[in-house]
């Protein structure tokens, strides 16, 4: 039922039908809470990640890349048809390249720090 008011149009709550509430699984609620928590953190932290958080995230990613070839090799030993040899080779090269890049980056940061401290 719709009542007309000079200020606005509104539905009277007693005449509206109530929506039915379905079942809610705990896992879907957890996923929703986790995703909304991350969005809240991003919204409240306008500066972004700190240098420490960024560095730790990069090292975690580097570690993940280093562990991937070992996991693929183990999987190939258990079930040879599940993993191709070229996938293992690609994973090993990614790990090698990422470690080489990280080593070069760390060396340059240390050299820059030493240059800054010497010029003082």
PDB file of N, CA and C in Angstrom:
ATOM      1  N   UNK A   1       0.840  -1.169   0.000  1.00  0.00           N
ATOM      2  CA  UNK A   1       0.000   0.000   0.000  1.00  0.00           C
ATOM      3  C   UNK A   1       0.887   1.234   0.000  1.00  0.00           C
ATOM      4  N   UNK A   2       0.583   2.185  -0.834  1.00  0.00           N
ATOM      5  CA  UNK A   2       1.407   3.372  -0.988  1.00  0.00           C
ATOM      6  C   UNK A   2       0.613   4.587  -0.549  1.00  0.00           C
ATOM      7  N   UNK A   3       1.196   5.341   0.378  1.00  0.00           N
ATOM      8  CA  UNK A   3       0.586   6.573   0.840  1.00  0.00           C
ATOM      9  C   UNK A   3       1.369   7.747   0.272  1.00  0.00           C
ATOM     10  N   UNK A   4       0.668   8.758  -0.160  1.00  0.00           N
ATOM     11  CA  UNK A   4       1.323   9.926  -0.727  1.00  0.00           C
ATOM     12  C   UNK A   4       1.442  11.002   0.333  1.00  0.00           C
ATOM     13  N   UNK A   5       2.637  11.524   0.455  1.00  0.00           N
ATOM     14  CA  UNK A   5       2.912  12.607   1.385  1.00  0.00           C
ATOM     15  C   UNK A   5       3.444  13.765   0.549  1.00  0.00           C
ATOM     16  N   UNK A   6       3.234  14.968   1.009  1.00  0.00           N
ATOM     17  CA  UNK A   6       3.731  16.104   0.234  1.00  0.00           C
ATOM     18  C   UNK A   6       5.250  16.169   0.238  1.00  0.00           C
ATOM     19  N   UNK A   7       5.894  15.597   1.247  1.00  0.00           N
ATOM     20  CA  UNK A   7       7.358  15.661   1.329  1.00  0.00           C
ATOM     21  C   UNK A   7       7.998  14.557   0.490  1.00  0.00           C
ATOM     22  N   UNK A   8       7.494  13.320   0.615  1.00  0.00           N
ATOM     23  CA  UNK A   8       8.097  12.216  -0.132  1.00  0.00           C
ATOM     24  C   UNK A   8       7.123  11.048  -0.240  1.00  0.00           C
ATOM     25  N   UNK A   9       7.490  10.054  -0.989  1.00  0.00           N
ATOM     26  CA  UNK A   9       6.702   8.838  -1.110  1.00  0.00           C
ATOM     27  C   UNK A   9       7.357   7.771  -0.247  1.00  0.00           C
ATOM     28  N   UNK A  10       6.532   7.036   0.523  1.00  0.00           N
ATOM     29  CA  UNK A  10       7.102   6.012   1.389  1.00  0.00           C
ATOM     30  C   UNK A  10       6.155   4.849   1.516  1.00  0.00           C
ATOM     31  N   UNK A  11       6.729   3.687   1.737  1.00  0.00           N
ATOM     32  CA  UNK A  11       5.934   2.508   2.016  1.00  0.00           C
ATOM     33  C   UNK A  11       5.686   2.422   3.511  1.00  0.00           C
ATOM     34  N   UNK A  12       4.517   2.008   3.886  1.00  0.00           N
ATOM     35  CA  UNK A  12       4.208   1.792   5.288  1.00  0.00           C
ATOM     36  C   UNK A  12       4.766   0.425   5.671  1.00  0.00           C
ATOM     37  N   UNK A  13       5.617   0.345   6.706  1.00  0.00           N
ATOM     38  CA  UNK A  13       6.281  -0.913   7.030  1.00  0.00           C
ATOM     39  C   UNK A  13       5.338  -2.073   7.313  1.00  0.00           C
ATOM     40  N   UNK A  14       4.193  -1.820   7.889  1.00  0.00           N
ATOM     41  CA  UNK A  14       3.292  -2.919   8.242  1.00  0.00           C
ATOM     42  C   UNK A  14       2.685  -3.567   7.003  1.00  0.00           C
ATOM     43  N   UNK A  15       2.647  -2.863   5.903  1.00  0.00           N
ATOM     44  CA  UNK A  15       2.049  -3.421   4.699  1.00  0.00           C
ATOM     45  C   UNK A  15       3.071  -4.083   3.782  1.00  0.00           C
ATOM     46  N   UNK A  16       4.376  -3.910   4.085  1.00  0.00           N
ATOM     47  CA  UNK A  16       5.411  -4.509   3.250  1.00  0.00           C
ATOM     48  C   UNK A  16       5.581  -5.979   3.602  1.00  0.00           C
ATOM     49  N   UNK A  17       5.880  -6.785   2.613  1.00  0.00           N
ATOM     50  CA  UNK A  17       6.126  -8.196   2.897  1.00  0.00           C
ATOM     51  C   UNK A  17       7.566  -8.355   3.357  1.00  0.00           C
ATOM     52  N   UNK A  18       7.793  -9.229   4.320  1.00  0.00           N
ATOM     53  CA  UNK A  18       9.120  -9.468   4.868  1.00  0.00           C
ATOM     54  C   UNK A  18       9.860 -10.468   3.983  1.00  0.00           C
ATOM     55  N   UNK A  19      11.091 -10.191   3.639  1.00  0.00           N
ATOM     56  CA  UNK A  19      11.850 -11.146   2.825  1.00  0.00           C
ATOM     57  C   UNK A  19      12.206 -12.369   3.654  1.00  0.00           C
ATOM     58  N   UNK A  20      12.238 -13.506   2.996  1.00  0.00           N
ATOM     59  CA  UNK A  20      12.608 -14.721   3.725  1.00  0.00           C
ATOM     60  C   UNK A  20      14.126 -14.785   3.843  1.00  0.00           C
ATOM     61  N   UNK A  21      14.573 -15.313   4.956  1.00  0.00           N
ATOM     62  CA  UNK A  21      16.005 -15.440   5.207  1.00  0.00           C
ATOM     63  C   UNK A  21      16.387 -16.887   4.981  1.00  0.00           C
ATOM     64  N   UNK A  22      17.307 -17.107   4.064  1.00  0.00           N
ATOM     65  CA  UNK A  22      17.758 -18.464   3.744  1.00  0.00           C
ATOM     66  C   UNK A  22      18.842 -18.918   4.699  1.00  0.00           C
ATOM     67  N   UNK A  23      19.317 -20.133   4.489  1.00  0.00           N
ATOM     68  CA  UNK A  23      20.370 -20.664   5.336  1.00  0.00           C
ATOM     69  C   UNK A  23      21.697 -19.992   4.995  1.00  0.00           C
ATOM     70  N   UNK A  24      22.524 -19.844   6.008  1.00  0.00           N
ATOM     71  CA  UNK A  24      23.827 -19.209   5.839  1.00  0.00           C
ATOM     72  C   UNK A  24      24.879 -20.177   6.340  1.00  0.00           C
ATOM     73  N   UNK A  25      25.840 -20.480   5.484  1.00  0.00           N
ATOM     74  CA  UNK A  25      26.907 -21.370   5.932  1.00  0.00           C
ATOM     75  C   UNK A  25      28.003 -20.550   6.585  1.00  0.00           C
ATOM     76  N   UNK A  26      28.693 -21.163   7.518  1.00  0.00           N
ATOM     77  CA  UNK A  26      29.740 -20.471   8.252  1.00  0.00           C
ATOM     78  C   UNK A  26      30.901 -20.111   7.332  1.00  0.00           C
ATOM     79  N   UNK A  27      31.232 -20.997   6.380  1.00  0.00           N
ATOM     80  CA  UNK A  27      32.349 -20.724   5.485  1.00  0.00           C
ATOM     81  C   UNK A  27      32.099 -19.491   4.628  1.00  0.00           C
ATOM     82  N   UNK A  28      30.867 -19.336   4.131  1.00  0.00           N
ATOM     83  CA  UNK A  28      30.584 -18.163   3.304  1.00  0.00           C
ATOM     84  C   UNK A  28      30.660 -16.890   4.132  1.00  0.00           C
ATOM     85  N   UNK A  29      30.244 -16.954   5.388  1.00  0.00           N
ATOM     86  CA  UNK A  29      30.329 -15.782   6.262  1.00  0.00           C
ATOM     87  C   UNK A  29      31.792 -15.447   6.530  1.00  0.00           C
ATOM     88  N   UNK A  30      32.614 -16.481   6.772  1.00  0.00           N
ATOM     89  CA  UNK A  30      34.038 -16.231   7.014  1.00  0.00           C
ATOM     90  C   UNK A  30      34.690 -15.590   5.801  1.00  0.00           C
ATOM     91  N   UNK A  31      34.387 -16.116   4.601  1.00  0.00           N
ATOM     92  CA  UNK A  31      34.968 -15.540   3.396  1.00  0.00           C
ATOM     93  C   UNK A  31      34.543 -14.084   3.237  1.00  0.00           C
ATOM     94  N   UNK A  32      33.281 -13.794   3.521  1.00  0.00           N
ATOM     95  CA  UNK A  32      32.781 -12.430   3.414  1.00  0.00           C
ATOM     96  C   UNK A  32      33.473 -11.530   4.427  1.00  0.00           C
ATOM     97  N   UNK A  33      33.631 -12.036   5.660  1.00  0.00           N
ATOM     98  CA  UNK A  33      34.292 -11.242   6.684  1.00  0.00           C
ATOM     99  C   UNK A  33      35.748 -10.995   6.337  1.00  0.00           C
ATOM    100  N   UNK A  34      36.437 -12.009   5.823  1.00  0.00           N
ATOM    101  CA  UNK A  34      37.847 -11.833   5.477  1.00  0.00           C
ATOM    102  C   UNK A  34      38.000 -10.821   4.353  1.00  0.00           C
ATOM    103  N   UNK A  35      37.165 -10.928   3.326  1.00  0.00           N
ATOM    104  CA  UNK A  35      37.308  -9.993   2.211  1.00  0.00           C
ATOM    105  C   UNK A  35      36.935  -8.575   2.635  1.00  0.00           C
ATOM    106  N   UNK A  36      35.912  -8.429   3.461  1.00  0.00           N
ATOM    107  CA  UNK A  36      35.541  -7.084   3.879  1.00  0.00           C
ATOM    108  C   UNK A  36      36.568  -6.525   4.855  1.00  0.00           C
ATOM    109  N   UNK A  37      37.222  -7.382   5.645  1.00  0.00           N
ATOM    110  CA  UNK A  37      38.260  -6.916   6.551  1.00  0.00           C
ATOM    111  C   UNK A  37      39.438  -6.372   5.763  1.00  0.00           C
ATOM    112  N   UNK A  38      39.818  -7.067   4.700  1.00  0.00           N
ATOM    113  CA  UNK A  38      40.913  -6.571   3.869  1.00  0.00           C
ATOM    114  C   UNK A  38      40.550  -5.236   3.236  1.00  0.00           C
ATOM    115  N   UNK A  39      39.301  -5.093   2.807  1.00  0.00           N
ATOM    116  CA  UNK A  39      38.877  -3.837   2.198  1.00  0.00           C
ATOM    117  C   UNK A  39      38.861  -2.712   3.224  1.00  0.00           C
ATOM    118  N   UNK A  40      38.475  -3.024   4.469  1.00  0.00           N
ATOM    119  CA  UNK A  40      38.481  -2.013   5.519  1.00  0.00           C
ATOM    120  C   UNK A  40      39.915  -1.594   5.812  1.00  0.00           C
ATOM    121  N   UNK A  41      40.837  -2.583   5.884  1.00  0.00           N
ATOM    122  CA  UNK A  41      42.233  -2.247   6.127  1.00  0.00           C
ATOM    123  C   UNK A  41      42.779  -1.350   5.030  1.00  0.00           C
ATOM    124  N   UNK A  42      42.443  -1.664   3.778  1.00  0.00           N
ATOM    125  CA  UNK A  42      42.910  -0.832   2.680  1.00  0.00           C
ATOM    126  C   UNK A  42      42.284   0.551   2.726  1.00  0.00           C
ATOM    127  N   UNK A  43      41.026   0.629   3.147  1.00  0.00           N
ATOM    128  CA  UNK A  43      40.339   1.921   3.186  1.00  0.00           C
ATOM    129  C   UNK A  43      40.864   2.798   4.323  1.00  0.00           C
ATOM    130  N   UNK A  44      41.173   2.176   5.483  1.00  0.00           N
ATOM    131  CA  UNK A  44      41.638   2.969   6.621  1.00  0.00           C
ATOM    132  C   UNK A  44      43.114   3.292   6.530  1.00  0.00           C
ATOM    133  N   UNK A  45      43.898   2.447   5.861  1.00  0.00           N
ATOM    134  CA  UNK A  45      45.326   2.674   5.736  1.00  0.00           C
ATOM    135  C   UNK A  45      45.595   3.349   4.393  1.00  0.00           C
ATOM    136  N   UNK A  46      45.384   4.645   4.354  1.00  0.00           N
ATOM    137  CA  UNK A  46      45.497   5.373   3.095  1.00  0.00           C
ATOM    138  C   UNK A  46      46.943   5.479   2.617  1.00  0.00           C
ATOM    139  N   UNK A  47      47.884   5.347   3.529  1.00  0.00           N
ATOM    140  CA  UNK A  47      49.291   5.441   3.163  1.00  0.00           C
ATOM    141  C   UNK A  47      49.721   4.206   2.391  1.00  0.00           C
ATOM    142  N   UNK A  48      49.129   3.057   2.683  1.00  0.00           N
ATOM    143  CA  UNK A  48      49.509   1.808   2.038  1.00  0.00           C
ATOM    144  C   UNK A  48      50.361   0.983   2.971  1.00  0.00           C
ATOM    145  N   UNK A  49      50.961  -0.029   2.421  1.00  0.00           N
ATOM    146  CA  UNK A  49      51.804  -0.895   3.223  1.00  0.00           C
ATOM    147  C   UNK A  49      53.080  -0.175   3.616  1.00  0.00           C
ATOM    148  N   UNK A  50      53.580  -0.516   4.797  1.00  0.00           N
ATOM    149  CA  UNK A  50      54.854   0.041   5.208  1.00  0.00           C
ATOM    150  C   UNK A  50      55.970  -0.653   4.438  1.00  0.00           C
ATOM    151  N   UNK A  51      57.143  -0.104   4.529  1.00  0.00           N
ATOM    152  CA  UNK A  51      58.289  -0.693   3.843  1.00  0.00           C
ATOM    153  C   UNK A  51      58.542  -2.109   4.363  1.00  0.00           C
ATOM    154  N   UNK A  52      58.386  -2.274   5.678  1.00  0.00           N
ATOM    155  CA  UNK A  52      58.599  -3.596   6.287  1.00  0.00           C
ATOM    156  C   UNK A  52      57.600  -4.621   5.743  1.00  0.00           C
ATOM    157  N   UNK A  53      56.325  -4.243   5.650  1.00  0.00           N
ATOM    158  CA  UNK A  53      55.308  -5.157   5.135  1.00  0.00           C
ATOM    159  C   UNK A  53      55.562  -5.505   3.680  1.00  0.00           C
ATOM    160  N   UNK A  54      55.977  -4.517   2.898  1.00  0.00           N
ATOM    161  CA  UNK A  54      56.275  -4.762   1.496  1.00  0.00           C
ATOM    162  C   UNK A  54      57.466  -5.690   1.346  1.00  0.00           C
ATOM    163  N   UNK A  55      58.489  -5.478   2.156  1.00  0.00           N
ATOM    164  CA  UNK A  55      59.679  -6.321   2.106  1.00  0.00           C
ATOM    165  C   UNK A  55      59.365  -7.749   2.534  1.00  0.00           C
ATOM    166  N   UNK A  56      58.591  -7.892   3.589  1.00  0.00           N
ATOM    167  CA  UNK A  56      58.224  -9.237   4.052  1.00  0.00           C
ATOM    168  C   UNK A  56      57.358  -9.957   3.022  1.00  0.00           C
ATOM    169  N   UNK A  57      56.462  -9.228   2.375  1.00  0.00           N
ATOM    170  CA  UNK A  57      55.633  -9.828   1.336  1.00  0.00           C
ATOM    171  C   UNK A  57      56.492 -10.290   0.160  1.00  0.00           C
ATOM    172  N   UNK A  58      57.494  -9.493  -0.197  1.00  0.00           N
ATOM    173  CA  UNK A  58      58.399  -9.870  -1.287  1.00  0.00           C
ATOM    174  C   UNK A  58      59.210 -11.115  -0.923  1.00  0.00           C
ATOM    175  N   UNK A  59      59.674 -11.195   0.315  1.00  0.00           N
ATOM    176  CA  UNK A  59      60.420 -12.382   0.731  1.00  0.00           C
ATOM    177  C   UNK A  59      59.525 -13.616   0.802  1.00  0.00           C
ATOM    178  N   UNK A  60      58.285 -13.432   1.193  1.00  0.00           N
ATOM    179  CA  UNK A  60      57.342 -14.560   1.186  1.00  0.00           C
ATOM    180  C   UNK A  60      57.121 -15.074  -0.232  1.00  0.00           C
ATOM    181  N   UNK A  61      56.984 -14.157  -1.165  1.00  0.00           N
ATOM    182  CA  UNK A  61      56.803 -14.539  -2.570  1.00  0.00           C
ATOM    183  C   UNK A  61      58.057 -15.238  -3.106  1.00  0.00           C
ATOM    184  N   UNK A  62      59.219 -14.736  -2.725  1.00  0.00           N
ATOM    185  CA  UNK A  62      60.484 -15.367  -3.121  1.00  0.00           C
ATOM    186  C   UNK A  62      60.574 -16.776  -2.557  1.00  0.00           C
ATOM    187  N   UNK A  63      60.199 -16.934  -1.300  1.00  0.00           N
ATOM    188  CA  UNK A  63      60.221 -18.256  -0.679  1.00  0.00           C
ATOM    189  C   UNK A  63      59.255 -19.208  -1.372  1.00  0.00           C
ATOM    190  N   UNK A  64      58.087 -18.714  -1.734  1.00  0.00           N
ATOM    191  CA  UNK A  64      57.099 -19.537  -2.434  1.00  0.00           C
ATOM    192  C   UNK A  64      57.649 -20.010  -3.782  1.00  0.00           C
ATOM    193  N   UNK A  65      58.336 -19.106  -4.482  1.00  0.00           N
ATOM    194  CA  UNK A  65      58.934 -19.476  -5.767  1.00  0.00           C
ATOM    195  C   UNK A  65      60.063 -20.489  -5.587  1.00  0.00           C
ATOM    196  N   UNK A  66      60.769 -20.434  -4.461  1.00  0.00           N
ATOM    197  CA  UNK A  66      61.852 -21.375  -4.208  1.00  0.00           C
ATOM    198  C   UNK A  66      61.311 -22.761  -3.844  1.00  0.00           C
ATOM    199  N   UNK A  67      60.156 -22.818  -3.207  1.00  0.00           N
ATOM    200  CA  UNK A  67      59.586 -24.098  -2.778  1.00  0.00           C
ATOM    201  C   UNK A  67      58.803 -24.809  -3.877  1.00  0.00           C
ATOM    202  N   UNK A  68      58.373 -24.069  -4.887  1.00  0.00           N
ATOM    203  CA  UNK A  68      57.550 -24.650  -5.943  1.00  0.00           C
ATOM    204  C   UNK A  68      58.242 -25.770  -6.721  1.00  0.00           C
ATOM    205  N   UNK A  69      59.517 -25.621  -7.141  1.00  0.00           N
ATOM    206  CA  UNK A  69      60.154 -26.728  -7.872  1.00  0.00           C
ATOM    207  C   UNK A  69      60.272 -28.009  -7.045  1.00  0.00           C
ATOM    208  N   UNK A  70      60.525 -27.864  -5.759  1.00  0.00           N
ATOM    209  CA  UNK A  70      60.624 -29.052  -4.902  1.00  0.00           C
ATOM    210  C   UNK A  70      59.277 -29.759  -4.813  1.00  0.00           C
ATOM    211  N   UNK A  71      58.218 -28.994  -4.697  1.00  0.00           N
ATOM    212  CA  UNK A  71      56.887 -29.602  -4.631  1.00  0.00           C
ATOM    213  C   UNK A  71      56.536 -30.285  -5.948  1.00  0.00           C
ATOM    214  N   UNK A  72      56.889 -29.656  -7.070  1.00  0.00           N
ATOM    215  CA  UNK A  72      56.614 -30.273  -8.370  1.00  0.00           C
ATOM    216  C   UNK A  72      57.447 -31.546  -8.567  1.00  0.00           C
ATOM    217  N   UNK A  73      58.696 -31.517  -8.125  1.00  0.00           N
ATOM    218  CA  UNK A  73      59.548 -32.703  -8.232  1.00  0.00           C
ATOM    219  C   UNK A  73      58.993 -33.848  -7.396  1.00  0.00           C
ATOM    220  N   UNK A  74      58.541 -33.539  -6.208  1.00  0.00           N
ATOM    221  CA  UNK A  74      57.939 -34.562  -5.348  1.00  0.00           C
ATOM    222  C   UNK A  74      56.679 -35.116  -5.988  1.00  0.00           C
ATOM    223  N   UNK A  75      55.860 -34.230  -6.551  1.00  0.00           N
ATOM    224  CA  UNK A  75      54.638 -34.669  -7.217  1.00  0.00           C
ATOM    225  C   UNK A  75      54.959 -35.561  -8.409  1.00  0.00           C
ATOM    226  N   UNK A  76      56.028 -35.254  -9.137  1.00  0.00           N
ATOM    227  CA  UNK A  76      56.395 -36.077 -10.282  1.00  0.00           C
ATOM    228  C   UNK A  76      56.878 -37.456  -9.831  1.00  0.00           C
ATOM    229  N   UNK A  77      57.557 -37.523  -8.684  1.00  0.00           N
ATOM    230  CA  UNK A  77      57.988 -38.825  -8.171  1.00  0.00           C
ATOM    231  C   UNK A  77      56.791 -39.673  -7.742  1.00  0.00           C
ATOM    232  N   UNK A  78      55.787 -39.035  -7.178  1.00  0.00           N
ATOM    233  CA  UNK A  78      54.602 -39.758  -6.710  1.00  0.00           C
ATOM    234  C   UNK A  78      53.743 -40.194  -7.888  1.00  0.00           C
ATOM    235  N   UNK A  79      53.461 -39.268  -8.797  1.00  0.00           N
ATOM    236  CA  UNK A  79      52.617 -39.554  -9.959  1.00  0.00           C
ATOM    237  C   UNK A  79      53.271 -38.935 -11.198  1.00  0.00           C
ATOM    238  N   UNK A  80      54.076 -39.720 -11.934  1.00  0.00           N
ATOM    239  CA  UNK A  80      54.842 -39.154 -13.055  1.00  0.00           C
ATOM    240  C   UNK A  80      53.990 -38.515 -14.147  1.00  0.00           C
ATOM    241  N   UNK A  81      52.769 -38.942 -14.330  1.00  0.00           N
ATOM    242  CA  UNK A  81      51.936 -38.375 -15.396  1.00  0.00           C
ATOM    243  C   UNK A  81      51.282 -37.050 -15.015  1.00  0.00           C
ATOM    244  N   UNK A  82      51.304 -36.685 -13.751  1.00  0.00           N
ATOM    245  CA  UNK A  82      50.604 -35.476 -13.323  1.00  0.00           C
ATOM    246  C   UNK A  82      51.392 -34.191 -13.582  1.00  0.00           C
ATOM    247  N   UNK A  83      52.724 -34.298 -13.684  1.00  0.00           N
ATOM    248  CA  UNK A  83      53.561 -33.105 -13.866  1.00  0.00           C
ATOM    249  C   UNK A  83      54.505 -33.341 -15.032  1.00  0.00           C
ATOM    250  N   UNK A  84      54.572 -32.348 -15.919  1.00  0.00           N
ATOM    251  CA  UNK A  84      55.508 -32.437 -17.037  1.00  0.00           C
ATOM    252  C   UNK A  84      56.887 -31.959 -16.594  1.00  0.00           C
ATOM    253  N   UNK A  85      57.901 -32.488 -17.244  1.00  0.00           N
ATOM    254  CA  UNK A  85      59.279 -32.117 -16.904  1.00  0.00           C
ATOM    255  C   UNK A  85      59.547 -30.648 -17.200  1.00  0.00           C
ATOM    256  N   UNK A  86      58.933 -30.124 -18.254  1.00  0.00           N
ATOM    257  CA  UNK A  86      59.179 -28.714 -18.575  1.00  0.00           C
ATOM    258  C   UNK A  86      58.567 -27.774 -17.541  1.00  0.00           C
ATOM    259  N   UNK A  87      57.493 -28.198 -16.854  1.00  0.00           N
ATOM    260  CA  UNK A  87      56.931 -27.379 -15.785  1.00  0.00           C
ATOM    261  C   UNK A  87      57.919 -27.247 -14.632  1.00  0.00           C
ATOM    262  N   UNK A  88      58.606 -28.344 -14.330  1.00  0.00           N
ATOM    263  CA  UNK A  88      59.609 -28.316 -13.264  1.00  0.00           C
ATOM    264  C   UNK A  88      60.775 -27.419 -13.681  1.00  0.00           C
ATOM    265  N   UNK A  89      61.203 -27.534 -14.929  1.00  0.00           N
ATOM    266  CA  UNK A  89      62.309 -26.713 -15.428  1.00  0.00           C
ATOM    267  C   UNK A  89      61.947 -25.234 -15.389  1.00  0.00           C
ATOM    268  N   UNK A  90      60.740 -24.904 -15.791  1.00  0.00           N
ATOM    269  CA  UNK A  90      60.294 -23.506 -15.761  1.00  0.00           C
ATOM    270  C   UNK A  90      60.250 -22.994 -14.321  1.00  0.00           C
ATOM    271  N   UNK A  91      59.737 -23.808 -13.410  1.00  0.00           N
ATOM    272  CA  UNK A  91      59.671 -23.405 -12.003  1.00  0.00           C
ATOM    273  C   UNK A  91      61.071 -23.209 -11.426  1.00  0.00           C
ATOM    274  N   UNK A  92      62.018 -24.080 -11.810  1.00  0.00           N
ATOM    275  CA  UNK A  92      63.395 -23.937 -11.330  1.00  0.00           C
ATOM    276  C   UNK A  92      64.034 -22.655 -11.867  1.00  0.00           C
ATOM    277  N   UNK A  93      63.771 -22.318 -13.109  1.00  0.00           N
ATOM    278  CA  UNK A  93      64.328 -21.091 -13.681  1.00  0.00           C
ATOM    279  C   UNK A  93      63.705 -19.848 -13.056  1.00  0.00           C
ATOM    280  N   UNK A  94      62.406 -19.901 -12.788  1.00  0.00           N
ATOM    281  CA  UNK A  94      61.763 -18.777 -12.098  1.00  0.00           C
ATOM    282  C   UNK A  94      62.383 -18.574 -10.725  1.00  0.00           C
ATOM    283  N   UNK A  95      62.608 -19.680 -10.007  1.00  0.00           N
ATOM    284  CA  UNK A  95      63.210 -19.600  -8.677  1.00  0.00           C
ATOM    285  C   UNK A  95      64.630 -19.052  -8.760  1.00  0.00           C
ATOM    286  N   UNK A  96      65.387 -19.523  -9.744  1.00  0.00           N
ATOM    287  CA  UNK A  96      66.766 -19.058  -9.901  1.00  0.00           C
ATOM    288  C   UNK A  96      66.808 -17.580 -10.252  1.00  0.00           C
ATOM    289  N   UNK A  97      65.967 -17.161 -11.172  1.00  0.00           N
ATOM    290  CA  UNK A  97      65.930 -15.763 -11.589  1.00  0.00           C
ATOM    291  C   UNK A  97      65.480 -14.855 -10.441  1.00  0.00           C
ATOM    292  N   UNK A  98      64.472 -15.278  -9.693  1.00  0.00           N
ATOM    293  CA  UNK A  98      63.992 -14.444  -8.584  1.00  0.00           C
ATOM    294  C   UNK A  98      65.047 -14.335  -7.488  1.00  0.00           C
ATOM    295  N   UNK A  99      65.777 -15.418  -7.220  1.00  0.00           N
ATOM    296  CA  UNK A  99      66.831 -15.365  -6.212  1.00  0.00           C
ATOM    297  C   UNK A  99      67.969 -14.473  -6.684  1.00  0.00           C
ATOM    298  N   UNK A 100      68.318 -14.563  -7.953  1.00  0.00           N
ATOM    299  CA  UNK A 100      69.375 -13.716  -8.503  1.00  0.00           C
ATOM    300  C   UNK A 100      68.975 -12.245  -8.438  1.00  0.00           C
ATOM    301  N   UNK A 101      67.726 -11.955  -8.779  1.00  0.00           N
ATOM    302  CA  UNK A 101      67.233 -10.579  -8.714  1.00  0.00           C
ATOM    303  C   UNK A 101      67.239 -10.062  -7.281  1.00  0.00           C
ATOM    304  N   UNK A 102      66.797 -10.894  -6.346  1.00  0.00           N
ATOM    305  CA  UNK A 102      66.775 -10.483  -4.937  1.00  0.00           C
ATOM    306  C   UNK A 102      68.191 -10.240  -4.420  1.00  0.00           C
ATOM    307  N   UNK A 103      69.130 -11.095  -4.794  1.00  0.00           N
ATOM    308  CA  UNK A 103      70.519 -10.922  -4.372  1.00  0.00           C
ATOM    309  C   UNK A 103      71.095  -9.621  -4.924  1.00  0.00           C
ATOM    310  N   UNK A 104      70.844  -9.343  -6.193  1.00  0.00           N
ATOM    311  CA  UNK A 104      71.327  -8.106  -6.807  1.00  0.00           C
ATOM    312  C   UNK A 104      70.706  -6.889  -6.135  1.00  0.00           C
ATOM    313  N   UNK A 105      69.418  -6.962  -5.861  1.00  0.00           N
ATOM    314  CA  UNK A 105      68.730  -5.846  -5.217  1.00  0.00           C
ATOM    315  C   UNK A 105      69.281  -5.601  -3.808  1.00  0.00           C
ATOM    316  N   UNK A 106      69.490  -6.661  -3.047  1.00  0.00           N
ATOM    317  CA  UNK A 106      70.026  -6.513  -1.689  1.00  0.00           C
ATOM    318  C   UNK A 106      71.441  -5.934  -1.741  1.00  0.00           C
ATOM    319  N   UNK A 107      72.264  -6.417  -2.679  1.00  0.00           N
ATOM    320  CA  UNK A 107      73.628  -5.885  -2.809  1.00  0.00           C
ATOM    321  C   UNK A 107      73.606  -4.393  -3.131  1.00  0.00           C
ATOM    322  N   UNK A 108      72.721  -3.977  -4.012  1.00  0.00           N
ATOM    323  CA  UNK A 108      72.646  -2.559  -4.373  1.00  0.00           C
ATOM    324  C   UNK A 108      72.137  -1.706  -3.218  1.00  0.00           C
ATOM    325  N   UNK A 109      71.190  -2.231  -2.451  1.00  0.00           N
ATOM    326  CA  UNK A 109      70.684  -1.481  -1.286  1.00  0.00           C
ATOM    327  C   UNK A 109      71.787  -1.331  -0.249  1.00  0.00           C
ATOM    328  N   UNK A 110      72.541  -2.396   0.000  1.00  0.00           N
ATOM    329  CA  UNK A 110      73.645  -2.327   0.967  1.00  0.00           C
ATOM    330  C   UNK A 110      74.713  -1.355   0.480  1.00  0.00           C
ATOM    331  N   UNK A 111      75.042  -1.397  -0.814  1.00  0.00           N
ATOM    332  CA  UNK A 111      76.037  -0.472  -1.374  1.00  0.00           C
ATOM    333  C   UNK A 111      75.554   0.969  -1.247  1.00  0.00           C
ATOM    334  N   UNK A 112      74.277   1.208  -1.537  1.00  0.00           N
ATOM    335  CA  UNK A 112      73.730   2.560  -1.408  1.00  0.00           C
ATOM    336  C   UNK A 112      73.766   3.026   0.038  1.00  0.00           C
ATOM    337  N   UNK A 113      73.450   2.147   0.975  1.00  0.00           N
ATOM    338  CA  UNK A 113      73.487   2.504   2.391  1.00  0.00           C
ATOM    339  C   UNK A 113      74.913   2.843   2.818  1.00  0.00           C
ATOM    340  N   UNK A 114      75.868   2.042   2.349  1.00  0.00           N
ATOM    341  CA  UNK A 114      77.273   2.326   2.674  1.00  0.00           C
ATOM    342  C   UNK A 114      77.718   3.650   2.069  1.00  0.00           C
ATOM    343  N   UNK A 115      77.306   3.945   0.850  1.00  0.00           N
ATOM    344  CA  UNK A 115      77.651   5.230   0.222  1.00  0.00           C
ATOM    345  C   UNK A 115      77.061   6.400   0.990  1.00  0.00           C
ATOM    346  N   UNK A 116      75.830   6.252   1.449  1.00  0.00           N
ATOM    347  CA  UNK A 116      75.186   7.323   2.222  1.00  0.00           C
ATOM    348  C   UNK A 116      75.894   7.521   3.553  1.00  0.00           C
ATOM    349  N   UNK A 117      76.234   6.423   4.216  1.00  0.00           N
ATOM    350  CA  UNK A 117      76.872   6.541   5.535  1.00  0.00           C
ATOM    351  C   UNK A 117      78.298   7.080   5.424  1.00  0.00           C
ATOM    352  N   UNK A 118      78.992   6.819   4.315  1.00  0.00           N
ATOM    353  CA  UNK A 118      80.350   7.318   4.131  1.00  0.00           C
ATOM    354  C   UNK A 118      80.332   8.824   3.846  1.00  0.00           C
ATOM    355  N   UNK A 119      79.339   9.299   3.119  1.00  0.00           N
ATOM    356  CA  UNK A 119      79.278  10.716   2.740  1.00  0.00           C
ATOM    357  C   UNK A 119      78.893  11.610   3.902  1.00  0.00           C
ATOM    358  N   UNK A 120      78.447  11.078   5.000  1.00  0.00           N
ATOM    359  CA  UNK A 120      78.070  11.906   6.158  1.00  0.00           C
ATOM    360  C   UNK A 120      79.275  12.445   6.766  1.00  0.00           C
TER     361      UNK A 120
END
